[in-house]
Protein backbone atom coordinates (compact mmCIF):
# COMPACT_ATOMS: atom_id res chain seq x y z
CA MET A 1 -0.21 -0.40 -0.04
CA PRO A 2 1.12 3.62 -0.55
CA ALA A 3 2.94 5.13 2.38
CA GLY A 4 -0.73 7.50 4.03
CA TYR A 5 -3.11 5.75 2.29
CA ALA A 6 -5.30 4.12 5.08
CA ALA A 7 -7.92 1.17 3.82
CA PRO A 8 -11.41 2.20 4.15
CA MET A 9 -13.83 0.50 7.35
CA PRO A 10 -15.47 -1.26 7.10
CA THR A 11 -19.00 -0.67 6.96
CA PHE A 12 -21.99 -2.89 8.77
CA THR A 13 -25.64 -2.51 7.80
CA GLY A 14 -28.41 -3.78 10.10
CA ARG A 15 -32.31 -3.59 9.58
CA HIS A 16 -35.51 -4.34 10.26
CA THR A 17 -39.11 -3.70 9.14
CA ALA A 18 -42.00 -4.61 10.69
CA THR A 19 -45.86 -4.16 10.83
CA LEU A 20 -47.95 -4.23 14.08
CA SER A 21 -51.86 -3.65 14.72
CA LEU A 22 -52.73 -1.71 17.44
CA PRO A 23 -55.90 -1.09 19.68
CA LEU A 24 -54.52 3.39 20.13
CA PRO A 25 -56.32 5.35 17.39
CA PRO A 26 -52.93 6.65 14.91
CA ALA A 27 -52.46 9.82 17.02
CA GLN A 28 -52.62 8.60 20.64
CA ALA A 29 -50.29 5.93 18.89
CA THR A 30 -47.94 8.66 17.39
CA ALA A 31 -47.33 10.68 20.31
CA ALA A 32 -47.28 7.67 22.03
CA PHE A 33 -44.09 6.20 19.78
CA ALA A 34 -42.56 9.37 20.38
CA ASP A 35 -42.37 9.97 23.89
CA LEU A 36 -38.53 9.88 25.09
CA ASP A 37 -39.70 7.91 28.02
CA ARG A 38 -40.84 5.16 26.57
CA GLN A 39 -38.07 5.10 23.85
CA ILE A 40 -35.27 5.12 26.52
CA ALA A 41 -37.62 2.26 28.50
CA CYS A 42 -38.36 -0.37 24.38
CA HIS A 43 -33.66 0.08 24.46
CA PRO A 44 -32.41 -2.92 27.12
CA GLU A 45 -28.90 -2.30 25.73
CA LEU A 46 -29.02 1.23 26.31
CA GLU A 47 -25.81 1.44 28.94
CA ARG A 48 -27.12 5.52 29.80
CA ALA A 49 -29.91 7.37 27.37
CA GLU A 50 -30.46 11.72 28.59
CA LYS A 51 -32.71 13.67 27.09
CA LEU A 52 -31.24 16.99 26.04
CA ASP A 53 -35.11 18.60 24.58
CA GLY A 54 -38.49 16.75 23.49
CA THR A 55 -36.65 15.53 20.72
CA THR A 56 -33.54 14.45 21.24
CA LEU A 57 -32.11 11.70 22.93
CA ARG A 58 -28.31 11.31 23.72
CA VAL A 59 -27.71 7.48 23.91
CA LYS A 60 -24.37 5.21 25.16
CA MET A 61 -25.49 1.34 24.29
CA LYS A 62 -23.41 -1.03 26.09
CA GLU A 63 -20.55 -2.54 24.80
CA MET A 64 -21.84 -5.46 22.05
CA LYS A 65 -18.64 -7.92 21.75
CA HIS A 66 -18.17 -10.85 19.65
CA GLY A 67 -15.10 -12.97 19.49
CA PRO A 68 -11.55 -9.78 19.34
CA VAL A 69 -14.18 -7.25 18.27
CA ALA A 70 -16.36 -4.50 20.58
CA PHE A 71 -18.23 -1.76 19.94
CA ALA A 72 -20.44 0.22 21.75
CA GLY A 73 -22.93 3.35 19.86
CA GLN A 74 -22.89 6.75 21.07
CA TYR A 75 -25.41 8.58 19.14
CA THR A 76 -27.79 11.83 19.86
CA LEU A 77 -31.52 10.76 18.45
CA LEU A 78 -33.50 13.33 16.43
CA PHE A 79 -37.11 12.88 16.26
CA THR A 80 -39.96 15.27 14.48
CA ILE A 81 -43.71 13.87 14.33
CA ASP A 82 -45.14 14.73 11.04
CA GLY A 83 -48.77 13.87 11.11
CA GLY A 84 -49.40 9.85 11.57
CA THR A 85 -45.09 9.52 10.75
CA VAL A 86 -42.70 9.46 13.33
CA ARG A 87 -38.94 9.76 11.84
CA TRP A 88 -35.71 9.79 13.86
CA ARG A 89 -31.81 10.14 12.69
CA SER A 90 -28.83 10.20 14.44
CA GLY A 91 -26.96 13.56 14.62
CA PRO A 92 -23.18 15.01 13.35
CA ASP A 93 -21.64 13.44 16.79
CA SER A 94 -22.65 9.91 16.67
CA ASN A 95 -20.77 7.23 15.54
CA VAL A 96 -23.55 5.10 14.20
CA ASP A 97 -25.65 6.19 11.57
CA VAL A 98 -29.25 5.96 12.45
CA GLN A 99 -32.49 6.18 10.29
CA GLY A 100 -35.59 5.10 11.18
CA GLU A 101 -39.69 5.51 10.77
CA ALA A 102 -42.66 4.60 11.79
CA VAL A 103 -45.75 5.24 10.16
CA PHE A 104 -49.49 4.79 12.10
CA THR A 105 -52.35 4.67 9.66
CA PRO A 106 -55.54 4.47 10.68
CA SER A 107 -56.54 0.09 10.55
CA GLY A 108 -60.52 -0.97 12.16
CA THR A 109 -60.49 0.77 15.82
CA GLY A 110 -56.74 1.50 15.90
CA SER A 111 -53.74 2.03 14.21
CA ARG A 112 -51.57 0.20 12.07
CA LEU A 113 -47.72 0.55 12.39
CA ALA A 114 -45.37 0.22 9.90
CA TYR A 115 -41.96 -0.03 11.70
CA SER A 116 -38.58 0.50 9.52
CA GLU A 117 -34.62 1.70 10.66
CA SER A 118 -31.82 1.06 9.18
CA VAL A 119 -28.27 0.74 11.21
CA SER A 120 -25.15 1.53 10.06
CA LEU A 121 -21.44 1.14 11.83
CA GLY A 122 -17.71 1.80 10.29
CA ILE A 123 -15.30 -1.02 12.98
CA GLU A 124 -11.48 -0.76 12.44
CA LEU A 125 -10.82 -4.34 10.81
CA ASN A 126 -9.22 -5.88 8.44
CA ALA A 127 -11.01 -7.06 5.36
CA ILE A 128 -11.13 -11.07 6.48
CA ALA A 129 -12.41 -10.03 9.47
CA ALA A 130 -15.02 -8.35 7.67
CA LYS A 131 -15.76 -11.10 5.66
CA VAL A 132 -16.62 -13.19 8.53
CA LEU A 133 -18.22 -11.35 10.97
CA ARG A 134 -20.06 -9.00 8.51
CA PRO A 135 -23.50 -11.73 8.96
CA VAL A 136 -22.89 -12.43 12.83
CA VAL A 137 -22.46 -8.17 13.14
CA GLU A 138 -25.45 -7.71 11.70
CA ALA A 139 -27.30 -10.41 12.77
CA MET A 140 -26.41 -9.02 16.39
CA MET A 141 -27.93 -5.54 14.86
CA ALA A 142 -31.01 -6.16 13.10
CA ARG A 143 -32.12 -8.44 16.43
CA GLY A 144 -31.59 -5.40 18.84
CA MET A 145 -33.76 -3.38 16.61
CA ARG A 146 -36.64 -6.92 16.14
CA ASN A 147 -36.39 -7.08 20.22
CA PHE A 148 -37.22 -2.84 20.37
CA ILE A 149 -40.36 -2.90 18.02
CA GLU A 150 -41.55 -6.24 19.89
CA ARG A 151 -40.96 -4.09 23.07
CA MET A 152 -42.57 -1.14 21.97
CA GLY A 153 -45.24 -2.55 20.17
CA GLU A 154 -46.07 -4.77 23.60
CA GLN A 155 -45.65 -1.20 25.53
CA LEU A 156 -48.86 0.47 22.48
CA GLN A 157 -50.98 -3.03 23.40
CA ARG A 158 -51.29 -1.53 27.10
């Protein structure tokens, strides 16, 4: 490799989508989903979380380990509400790129939630280790998102 050349850091991306039926009307479900205390309670992988204001969280994830690889996400999540849609994204001071959306539409006497989220992060690894670990790391990320939306769905059923 030429002097001064740095190989690009491998990026890992996890994605998850889900659709849930909820007993709450869309406006109530939207507000409940966007509640920062509920967001914190539904993320068991958090080491700590701090509400910076009514629409912003600063979070630190518990360290994730697999073999020689360890990573702890630290990021700011910015939430916006537009009608029956809640969107969130990580801020520029984050070591993880998070983007998500929860869309609430009327369904019977309640609502339908269409959830989608993606999380991307770079980990300093050589190409061979990245290739071996990619399926494991990305599955762990998807499992974390799945656990979150399952907990959120349980909260919104009450």
